[in-house]
Amino acid sequence: RERGVGEAKLLLSRTSGRIRVLMRREETRKVCANHVVAAETELTLMDGSDKAWTYATVDASGINEVGEDDGECHAETFAFRFKDSSAAGEWKEAVDKCRVGDVAGFEKVAAIDDRIKVVEQADVIDEDAPAQSPDRGPASSSFFGGKSAEEGQDA
């Protein structure tokens, strides 16, 4: 069964140090693959293709065997197919590095707590200052075609 077309990413958890695969469907952005790359993960070439890899793992995307979102973890067999054999080879190399815990090449992105927090402050109104609202007079003449609001109404 096909889960969808999209970009698969390898993400490093800053807290646990584990690496997981995350894939979202291209059009709906719904998660269709979310699982840890374990040391036991063994990629094998898909029969008859040099640009597709298969492997079995426990998936946490919440999609069951009939494609419904039930929020549970399920044992799944995944097949990732790529545009060409070189892209498939790069994926295999990256996953193999992740299996042995090699995290070189992963970007360190600041966690939300580490980012600079911007606090919006409310505008301070000086109540002692005179109000500076311009006198607008009758309704804008451009809105009513050059006539005031009263003249622009049809009887």
Protein backbone atom coordinates (compact mmCIF):
# COMPACT_ATOMS: atom_id res chain seq x y z
CA ARG A 1 0.00 0.00 0.00
CA GLU A 2 1.28 3.47 -0.82
CA ARG A 3 1.44 6.04 1.93
CA GLY A 4 2.26 8.95 -0.30
CA VAL A 5 4.84 11.02 -2.08
CA GLY A 6 6.95 13.48 -0.14
CA GLU A 7 10.30 14.39 1.33
CA ALA A 8 11.80 12.01 3.90
CA LYS A 9 14.04 13.61 6.51
CA LEU A 10 16.46 12.24 9.07
CA LEU A 11 16.11 14.24 12.29
CA LEU A 12 18.38 14.21 15.34
CA SER A 13 16.75 14.58 18.76
CA ARG A 14 18.70 17.00 20.92
CA THR A 15 17.48 15.44 24.13
CA SER A 16 17.81 11.70 23.45
CA GLY A 17 20.41 11.75 20.67
CA ARG A 18 18.29 9.31 18.64
CA ILE A 19 17.74 9.78 14.93
CA ARG A 20 14.34 9.31 13.35
CA VAL A 21 12.80 9.30 9.90
CA LEU A 22 10.01 11.80 9.33
CA MET A 23 8.03 11.95 6.11
CA ARG A 24 4.99 14.07 5.33
CA ARG A 25 2.68 13.69 2.36
CA GLU A 26 3.45 16.29 -0.26
CA GLU A 27 -0.02 17.76 -0.67
CA THR A 28 -1.63 17.39 2.76
CA ARG A 29 1.57 17.64 4.89
CA LYS A 30 0.17 14.81 7.03
CA VAL A 31 2.80 12.60 8.71
CA CYS A 32 3.00 9.23 6.96
CA ALA A 33 6.27 7.89 8.44
CA ASN A 34 7.75 8.63 11.86
CA HIS A 35 10.15 6.11 13.35
CA VAL A 36 13.53 5.81 15.02
CA VAL A 37 16.50 4.51 13.03
CA ALA A 38 17.58 1.62 15.26
CA ALA A 39 20.83 -0.31 15.09
CA GLU A 40 18.77 -3.33 13.97
CA THR A 41 17.34 -1.48 10.96
CA GLU A 42 18.54 -3.41 7.92
CA LEU A 43 17.93 -1.86 4.50
CA THR A 44 17.59 -4.26 1.57
CA LEU A 45 17.26 -3.44 -2.10
CA MET A 46 13.74 -3.83 -3.39
CA ASP A 47 13.38 -6.70 -5.88
CA GLY A 48 13.94 -5.57 -9.45
CA SER A 49 15.04 -2.01 -8.63
CA ASP A 50 18.29 -0.32 -7.75
CA LYS A 51 16.56 2.88 -6.63
CA ALA A 52 14.32 1.56 -3.83
CA TRP A 53 15.10 0.31 -0.31
CA THR A 54 12.86 -1.65 2.06
CA TYR A 55 13.08 -2.27 5.79
CA ALA A 56 10.88 -3.22 8.73
CA THR A 57 10.45 -1.07 11.84
CA VAL A 58 7.92 0.12 14.41
CA ASP A 59 6.26 3.26 13.09
CA ALA A 60 4.75 5.97 15.30
CA SER A 61 2.92 7.94 12.60
CA GLY A 62 -0.39 6.52 13.83
CA ILE A 63 -1.50 5.08 10.49
CA ASN A 64 -2.73 1.49 10.69
CA GLU A 65 -2.63 -1.26 8.04
CA VAL A 66 -5.77 0.00 6.28
CA GLY A 67 -4.55 3.61 6.14
CA GLU A 68 -6.62 5.01 9.00
CA ASP A 69 -5.12 7.32 11.61
CA ASP A 70 -5.60 5.53 14.94
CA GLY A 71 -2.72 7.16 16.85
CA GLU A 72 -1.05 3.82 17.70
CA CYS A 73 2.42 2.43 16.93
CA HIS A 74 2.51 -0.41 14.39
CA ALA A 75 5.14 -2.76 12.98
CA GLU A 76 5.49 -1.78 9.33
CA THR A 77 7.59 -2.58 6.30
CA PHE A 78 8.59 0.55 4.42
CA ALA A 79 9.77 0.91 0.84
CA PHE A 80 11.39 4.20 -0.09
CA ARG A 81 11.74 4.75 -3.84
CA PHE A 82 13.99 7.51 -5.22
CA LYS A 83 14.40 9.33 -8.53
CA ASP A 84 17.64 7.57 -9.39
CA SER A 85 20.08 5.03 -8.03
CA SER A 86 22.55 7.68 -6.80
CA ALA A 87 19.88 9.28 -4.56
CA ALA A 88 18.99 5.80 -3.28
CA GLY A 89 22.66 5.15 -2.54
CA GLU A 90 22.97 8.43 -0.61
CA TRP A 91 19.91 7.47 1.48
CA LYS A 92 21.44 4.08 2.27
CA GLU A 93 24.73 5.69 3.34
CA ALA A 94 22.93 8.21 5.54
CA VAL A 95 20.79 5.56 7.24
CA ASP A 96 23.81 3.32 7.77
CA LYS A 97 25.61 6.20 9.52
CA CYS A 98 22.54 6.75 11.70
CA ARG A 99 22.39 3.06 12.61
CA VAL A 100 25.86 3.21 14.17
CA GLY A 101 25.19 6.56 15.88
CA ASP A 102 27.30 8.77 13.59
CA VAL A 103 25.63 12.18 13.96
CA ALA A 104 28.25 14.14 11.98
CA GLY A 105 26.59 16.30 9.39
CA PHE A 106 23.44 17.03 11.36
CA GLU A 107 22.72 20.70 11.92
CA LYS A 108 22.24 21.89 15.45
CA VAL A 109 19.16 24.10 15.46
CA ALA A 110 18.50 26.10 18.58
CA ALA A 111 15.73 24.65 20.70
CA ILE A 112 12.70 26.81 21.32
CA ASP A 113 13.85 27.53 24.89
CA ASP A 114 17.25 28.75 23.65
CA ARG A 115 15.88 31.17 21.10
CA ILE A 116 15.62 34.87 21.85
CA LYS A 117 12.19 35.55 23.20
CA VAL A 118 10.43 38.58 21.78
CA VAL A 119 7.89 40.10 24.09
CA GLU A 120 5.36 42.42 22.58
CA GLN A 121 4.56 45.43 24.68
CA ALA A 122 1.26 47.21 24.52
CA ASP A 123 1.26 50.76 23.22
CA VAL A 124 1.40 53.26 26.06
CA ILE A 125 -1.23 55.95 25.75
CA ASP A 126 -0.64 59.27 27.47
CA GLU A 127 -4.05 60.05 28.88
CA ASP A 128 -3.07 63.66 29.66
CA ALA A 129 -2.22 64.44 26.03
CA PRO A 130 -4.98 65.88 23.82
CA ALA A 131 -6.54 63.40 21.41
CA GLN A 132 -5.10 63.68 17.94
CA SER A 133 -7.92 62.36 15.83
CA PRO A 134 -8.40 64.41 12.67
CA ASP A 135 -11.83 65.80 11.96
CA ARG A 136 -13.06 63.63 9.16
CA GLY A 137 -16.29 65.46 8.49
CA PRO A 138 -18.79 63.69 6.23
CA ALA A 139 -17.95 60.35 4.68
CA SER A 140 -15.07 60.24 2.24
CA SER A 141 -16.09 61.67 -1.09
CA SER A 142 -14.13 59.08 -3.07
CA PHE A 143 -16.16 56.24 -1.56
CA PHE A 144 -19.52 57.71 -2.57
CA GLY A 145 -18.47 58.94 -5.99
CA GLY A 146 -17.88 62.58 -5.00
CA LYS A 147 -21.10 62.96 -2.96
CA SER A 148 -21.55 62.98 0.78
CA ALA A 149 -23.12 59.96 2.44
CA GLU A 150 -26.56 61.56 2.52
CA GLU A 151 -26.47 62.63 -1.15
CA GLY A 152 -25.20 59.23 -2.31
CA GLN A 153 -28.20 57.32 -0.99
CA ASP A 154 -31.04 56.61 -3.39
CA ALA A 155 -34.56 57.25 -2.16
